């Protein structure tokens, strides 16, 4: 089987480079507003994860396999310093990559991350999703369910289009296997500073999951909760996400910023 094609978009800027990994059934387009606030200060690399957006599926999916693809792309750029930024599913993949990263990793930002333990997903919801791949009505239901702040009409269109573009292989792997994988030992090996962002009203990864399943697994982690936001933080609160990333990058070796809670 041929080598999978990885699609990404690389915007030149300052150092360090921010490497963005998107949520399940999303694409690199989910970061558009966030990098709009950051790309003048930092180089921004957005990746369509294998089987999502315009990237082809892997011959065989696993978190390790996806992490290797991410690491290979980072390695090819010979970056002096970079920050991994992962949202939801992309957060779990960022942790898998950060456990044994290419040289230059300076920090990790987890945005409403799927935890390193099995994601606590309602089994009825898992079944609904597994049986409705490519269904627009189901995609619309999901979007209504996981957001709490209103998002722009054009962003709704992007979310729905990305959902329907997801390959069947990636879709079924994440729901049936990937979200259930345990990478606690890998997460505990992440040596760099980690910022964890969450929405106070997130119904997918609620604050209680971040408290019990994310923060205790990380050696050097800080947490910021965004009031009134749901799960799609890059769409619901892009300015707040960007501001938190910028503060984290500039202060990652200088202690806590106001409003952060340390693990």
Protein backbone atom coordinates (compact mmCIF):
# COMPACT_ATOMS: atom_id res chain seq x y z
CA UNK A 1 0.00 0.00 0.00
CA UNK A 2 1.32 3.44 -0.86
CA UNK A 3 2.59 5.88 1.75
CA UNK A 4 -0.22 8.12 3.09
CA UNK A 5 -0.31 11.72 1.89
CA UNK A 6 -0.23 14.26 4.73
CA UNK A 7 -1.72 17.66 3.94
CA UNK A 8 -0.65 20.69 5.96
CA UNK A 9 -0.37 24.46 5.73
CA UNK A 10 2.76 26.24 6.93
CA UNK A 11 2.70 29.99 7.58
CA UNK A 12 6.06 31.63 8.17
CA UNK A 13 6.51 33.75 11.27
CA UNK A 14 8.70 34.03 14.32
CA UNK A 15 10.02 31.35 16.66
CA UNK A 16 8.95 29.04 18.17
CA UNK A 17 6.81 27.23 15.61
CA UNK A 18 3.28 26.32 16.70
CA UNK A 19 2.20 22.90 15.38
CA UNK A 20 -1.61 22.57 15.40
CA UNK A 21 -3.51 19.25 15.55
CA UNK A 22 -7.29 19.36 15.15
CA UNK A 23 -10.28 17.63 16.76
CA UNK A 24 -12.11 14.45 15.66
CA UNK A 25 -14.04 14.97 12.41
CA UNK A 26 -12.34 18.34 11.94
CA UNK A 27 -9.46 19.62 9.85
CA UNK A 28 -6.68 22.18 9.94
CA UNK A 29 -9.31 24.78 9.04
CA UNK A 30 -10.57 24.71 12.63
CA UNK A 31 -7.52 26.76 13.65
CA UNK A 32 -8.09 29.60 11.17
CA UNK A 33 -9.23 32.20 13.72
CA UNK A 34 -6.66 31.18 16.34
CA UNK A 35 -3.71 31.54 13.99
CA UNK A 36 -5.18 34.79 12.74
CA UNK A 37 -4.18 36.15 16.15
CA UNK A 38 -0.82 34.34 16.32
CA UNK A 39 0.74 34.02 12.87
CA UNK A 40 2.47 37.40 12.91
CA UNK A 41 4.38 36.42 16.05
CA UNK A 42 4.94 32.72 15.40
CA UNK A 43 5.39 30.31 12.53
CA UNK A 44 2.18 28.24 12.39
CA UNK A 45 2.04 24.71 10.98
CA UNK A 46 -1.45 23.25 10.74
CA UNK A 47 -1.81 19.55 9.93
CA UNK A 48 -4.74 17.56 8.58
CA UNK A 49 -4.34 14.38 10.62
CA UNK A 50 -4.34 11.11 8.66
CA UNK A 51 -7.78 10.31 7.31
CA UNK A 52 -9.13 13.80 8.06
CA UNK A 53 -9.41 16.89 5.88
CA UNK A 54 -7.24 16.40 2.80
CA UNK A 55 -4.87 13.83 4.32
CA UNK A 56 -5.19 10.21 3.25
CA UNK A 57 -5.81 7.43 5.81
CA UNK A 58 -3.05 5.28 7.25
CA UNK A 59 -2.75 1.64 6.15
CA UNK A 60 -3.27 0.73 9.82
CA UNK A 61 -4.34 3.19 12.49
CA UNK A 62 -3.03 3.50 16.05
CA UNK A 63 -2.04 6.42 18.24
CA UNK A 64 1.60 5.41 17.88
CA UNK A 65 1.28 5.32 14.09
CA UNK A 66 -0.30 8.78 13.97
CA UNK A 67 2.32 10.14 16.39
CA UNK A 68 5.05 8.82 14.11
CA UNK A 69 3.55 10.61 11.11
CA UNK A 70 3.43 13.87 13.06
CA UNK A 71 6.99 13.39 14.27
CA UNK A 72 8.23 12.69 10.76
CA UNK A 73 6.71 15.92 9.48
CA UNK A 74 8.22 17.95 12.34
CA UNK A 75 11.60 16.29 11.87
CA UNK A 76 11.59 17.17 8.17
CA UNK A 77 11.40 20.87 9.04
CA UNK A 78 14.48 20.85 11.32
CA UNK A 79 12.78 23.18 13.81
CA UNK A 80 14.90 24.71 16.56
CA UNK A 81 11.91 25.12 18.86
CA UNK A 82 8.24 24.20 18.55
CA UNK A 83 5.05 23.92 20.60
CA UNK A 84 2.52 21.15 19.96
CA UNK A 85 -1.08 22.42 20.15
CA UNK A 86 -3.73 19.70 20.11
CA UNK A 87 -7.52 20.01 20.35
CA UNK A 88 -9.66 17.12 21.63
CA UNK A 89 -8.51 14.03 19.68
CA UNK A 90 -5.52 16.10 18.57
CA UNK A 91 -4.65 16.62 22.23
CA UNK A 92 -4.28 12.90 22.84
CA UNK A 93 -2.18 12.65 19.68
CA UNK A 94 -0.04 15.58 20.83
CA UNK A 95 0.70 13.77 24.10
CA UNK A 96 1.57 10.57 22.23
CA UNK A 97 4.02 12.54 20.09
CA UNK A 98 5.44 14.55 23.00
CA UNK A 99 6.38 11.45 24.97
CA UNK A 100 9.24 10.72 22.53
CA UNK A 101 9.38 13.91 20.46
CA UNK A 102 11.67 15.12 17.70
CA UNK A 103 14.30 17.57 19.02
CA UNK A 104 13.15 21.08 19.84
CA UNK A 105 9.90 20.48 21.73
CA UNK A 106 9.49 23.42 24.12
CA UNK A 107 5.90 22.95 25.29
CA UNK A 108 2.49 21.40 24.71
CA UNK A 109 -0.93 23.07 24.67
CA UNK A 110 -3.92 20.77 25.18
CA UNK A 111 -7.26 22.30 24.18
CA UNK A 112 -10.26 20.39 25.60
CA UNK A 113 -8.11 17.26 25.24
CA UNK A 114 -9.19 13.67 24.99
CA UNK A 115 -7.48 12.28 28.11
CA UNK A 116 -4.55 9.85 28.06
CA UNK A 117 -6.90 7.33 29.68
CA UNK A 118 -9.89 6.02 27.69
CA UNK A 119 -12.18 8.90 26.79
CA UNK A 120 -15.40 8.75 28.86
CA UNK A 121 -17.86 8.64 25.96
CA UNK A 122 -21.53 7.73 26.39
CA UNK A 123 -21.93 4.39 24.66
CA UNK A 124 -25.23 5.35 23.06
CA UNK A 125 -23.50 8.39 21.56
CA UNK A 126 -20.59 6.24 20.39
CA UNK A 127 -23.03 3.89 18.66
CA UNK A 128 -24.90 6.80 17.06
CA UNK A 129 -21.68 8.18 15.65
CA UNK A 130 -20.39 4.81 14.47
CA UNK A 131 -23.57 4.20 12.49
CA UNK A 132 -23.93 7.68 10.97
CA UNK A 133 -20.63 8.36 9.23
CA UNK A 134 -21.21 10.75 6.33
CA UNK A 135 -24.70 11.71 7.47
CA UNK A 136 -25.30 15.47 7.42
CA UNK A 137 -28.24 15.41 9.84
CA UNK A 138 -26.11 13.56 12.37
CA UNK A 139 -23.26 16.04 11.84
CA UNK A 140 -25.65 18.92 12.53
CA UNK A 141 -26.86 17.20 15.70
CA UNK A 142 -23.30 16.69 16.89
CA UNK A 143 -22.41 20.34 16.31
CA UNK A 144 -25.43 21.52 18.31
CA UNK A 145 -24.60 19.09 21.11
CA UNK A 146 -20.94 19.97 21.64
CA UNK A 147 -21.02 23.78 21.42
CA UNK A 148 -22.26 26.24 24.02
CA UNK A 149 -21.29 29.62 22.54
CA UNK A 150 -22.65 30.64 19.13
CA UNK A 151 -20.25 30.30 16.21
CA UNK A 152 -20.22 32.09 12.87
CA UNK A 153 -22.38 30.75 10.04
CA UNK A 154 -19.35 30.19 7.84
CA UNK A 155 -17.71 28.22 10.66
CA UNK A 156 -20.79 26.02 10.91
CA UNK A 157 -20.32 25.28 7.23
CA UNK A 158 -16.67 24.37 7.78
CA UNK A 159 -17.51 22.07 10.70
CA UNK A 160 -20.15 20.22 8.72
CA UNK A 161 -18.02 19.93 5.58
CA UNK A 162 -15.05 18.62 7.55
CA UNK A 163 -17.25 16.10 9.34
CA UNK A 164 -18.56 14.74 6.05
CA UNK A 165 -15.04 14.71 4.53
CA UNK A 166 -13.61 12.42 7.22
CA UNK A 167 -12.57 9.02 5.86
CA UNK A 168 -14.50 5.98 7.04
CA UNK A 169 -11.25 4.35 8.19
CA UNK A 170 -10.26 7.23 10.48
CA UNK A 171 -13.82 7.74 11.68
CA UNK A 172 -14.33 4.16 12.81
CA UNK A 173 -10.80 3.74 14.20
CA UNK A 174 -11.06 6.72 16.55
CA UNK A 175 -14.53 5.87 17.84
CA UNK A 176 -13.97 2.14 18.21
CA UNK A 177 -10.30 2.01 19.19
CA UNK A 178 -8.35 5.29 19.35
CA UNK A 179 -10.55 7.04 21.90
CA UNK A 180 -10.28 3.92 24.07
CA UNK A 181 -6.49 3.61 23.92
CA UNK A 182 -4.52 4.22 27.11
CA UNK A 183 -1.33 6.28 26.87
CA UNK A 184 -0.96 7.20 30.53
CA UNK A 185 2.64 5.98 30.68
CA UNK A 186 3.48 8.08 27.62
CA UNK A 187 1.80 11.17 29.08
CA UNK A 188 3.81 10.79 32.27
CA UNK A 189 7.02 10.92 30.20
CA UNK A 190 6.22 14.36 28.77
CA UNK A 191 8.94 16.49 30.33
CA UNK A 192 8.16 19.94 28.92
CA UNK A 193 5.61 22.43 30.33
CA UNK A 194 2.00 21.76 29.37
CA UNK A 195 -0.91 24.21 29.23
CA UNK A 196 -4.38 22.66 29.49
CA UNK A 197 -7.36 24.69 28.28
CA UNK A 198 -10.97 23.70 28.82
CA UNK A 199 -14.45 25.14 28.53
CA UNK A 200 -16.41 25.44 31.75
CA UNK A 201 -19.52 24.17 29.92
CA UNK A 202 -17.84 21.53 27.74
CA UNK A 203 -20.19 18.51 27.52
CA UNK A 204 -17.58 16.28 25.82
CA UNK A 205 -14.52 16.85 28.03
CA UNK A 206 -16.06 18.50 31.11
CA UNK A 207 -13.90 20.14 33.79
CA UNK A 208 -14.21 17.04 35.97
CA UNK A 209 -12.46 14.92 33.33
CA UNK A 210 -9.60 17.39 33.06
CA UNK A 211 -9.32 17.39 36.86
CA UNK A 212 -9.27 13.62 37.28
CA UNK A 213 -7.91 12.21 34.00
CA UNK A 214 -5.63 14.86 32.50
CA UNK A 215 -3.90 17.01 35.13
CA UNK A 216 -2.72 14.14 37.40
CA UNK A 217 -0.98 12.44 34.44
CA UNK A 218 1.26 15.40 33.62
CA UNK A 219 4.50 16.30 35.36
CA UNK A 220 4.51 20.06 34.70
CA UNK A 221 1.04 21.32 33.76
CA UNK A 222 -0.96 24.51 34.05
CA UNK A 223 -4.69 24.86 33.55
CA UNK A 224 -6.99 27.64 32.34
CA UNK A 225 -10.77 27.31 32.16
CA UNK A 226 -12.69 29.45 29.67
CA UNK A 227 -16.04 30.47 31.13
CA UNK A 228 -19.20 29.57 29.27
CA UNK A 229 -17.47 27.79 26.41
CA UNK A 230 -18.21 24.32 25.10
CA UNK A 231 -16.01 21.83 23.29
CA UNK A 232 -15.13 23.66 20.06
CA UNK A 233 -12.89 26.25 21.69
CA UNK A 234 -11.02 27.21 18.46
CA UNK A 235 -14.38 28.31 17.03
CA UNK A 236 -16.16 29.39 20.21
CA UNK A 237 -13.32 31.29 21.88
CA UNK A 238 -10.47 31.82 19.38
CA UNK A 239 -9.21 35.06 20.92
CA UNK A 240 -9.07 33.58 24.40
CA UNK A 241 -7.33 30.46 23.11
CA UNK A 242 -4.79 32.55 21.21
CA UNK A 243 -4.14 34.82 24.18
CA UNK A 244 -3.57 31.81 26.46
CA UNK A 245 -1.17 30.24 23.96
CA UNK A 246 0.77 33.48 23.60
CA UNK A 247 1.02 33.94 27.37
CA UNK A 248 2.14 30.34 27.81
CA UNK A 249 4.82 30.58 25.13
CA UNK A 250 6.23 33.81 26.52
CA UNK A 251 6.19 32.65 30.17
CA UNK A 252 6.69 28.90 29.96
CA UNK A 253 9.99 29.08 31.86
CA UNK A 254 8.99 31.96 34.13
CA UNK A 255 6.32 30.58 36.46
CA UNK A 256 2.56 30.88 36.42
CA UNK A 257 0.45 33.56 34.82
CA UNK A 258 -2.54 35.03 36.64
CA UNK A 259 -5.56 32.73 36.47
CA UNK A 260 -3.59 29.52 35.91
CA UNK A 261 -3.92 26.51 38.17
CA UNK A 262 -0.90 24.26 38.51
CA UNK A 263 -1.12 20.49 38.78
